[in-house]
Amino acid sequence: MAKLYLEKLTCVTTEGWGGFDEQRLVVQDRGTVWNGTVLGDRMYTVKYDCDFTGTIAVSLGETGTPGGGGGLGEQWITDTPGERSLRFRADGAEYRLLYAVE
């Protein structure tokens, strides 16, 4: 069994023309683990951890949309130990999620 640590979410560029997005992080079988209003070129602390085996899905989507839809997609994390990042991109927005697996 591996342990996943979601650490920081960086907003490189927002999707919203107003300079901010309303985003949420969803972890497979665990639901929403973080949400908030994000501004471009800012970093946000997530601070979430959980145990998993094999692989686990993480998605980034807009708050208020069923299933986090209208968002930036879903990515899979493996149980290979180390520190890494995921990149989410869609509709002109770009985010990076820093995480670690032990």
Foldseek 3Di string as FASTA:
>chain_A
DKKKWWFKKAWQFDLDPVQKAWKFKQKPPPGTQDTDIDGHGDMDTRGDMDDDAAKIKMFMAGPPDPPRPPGQDIDMDGQDFDWDWDWTDDNHIIMIIIMGMD
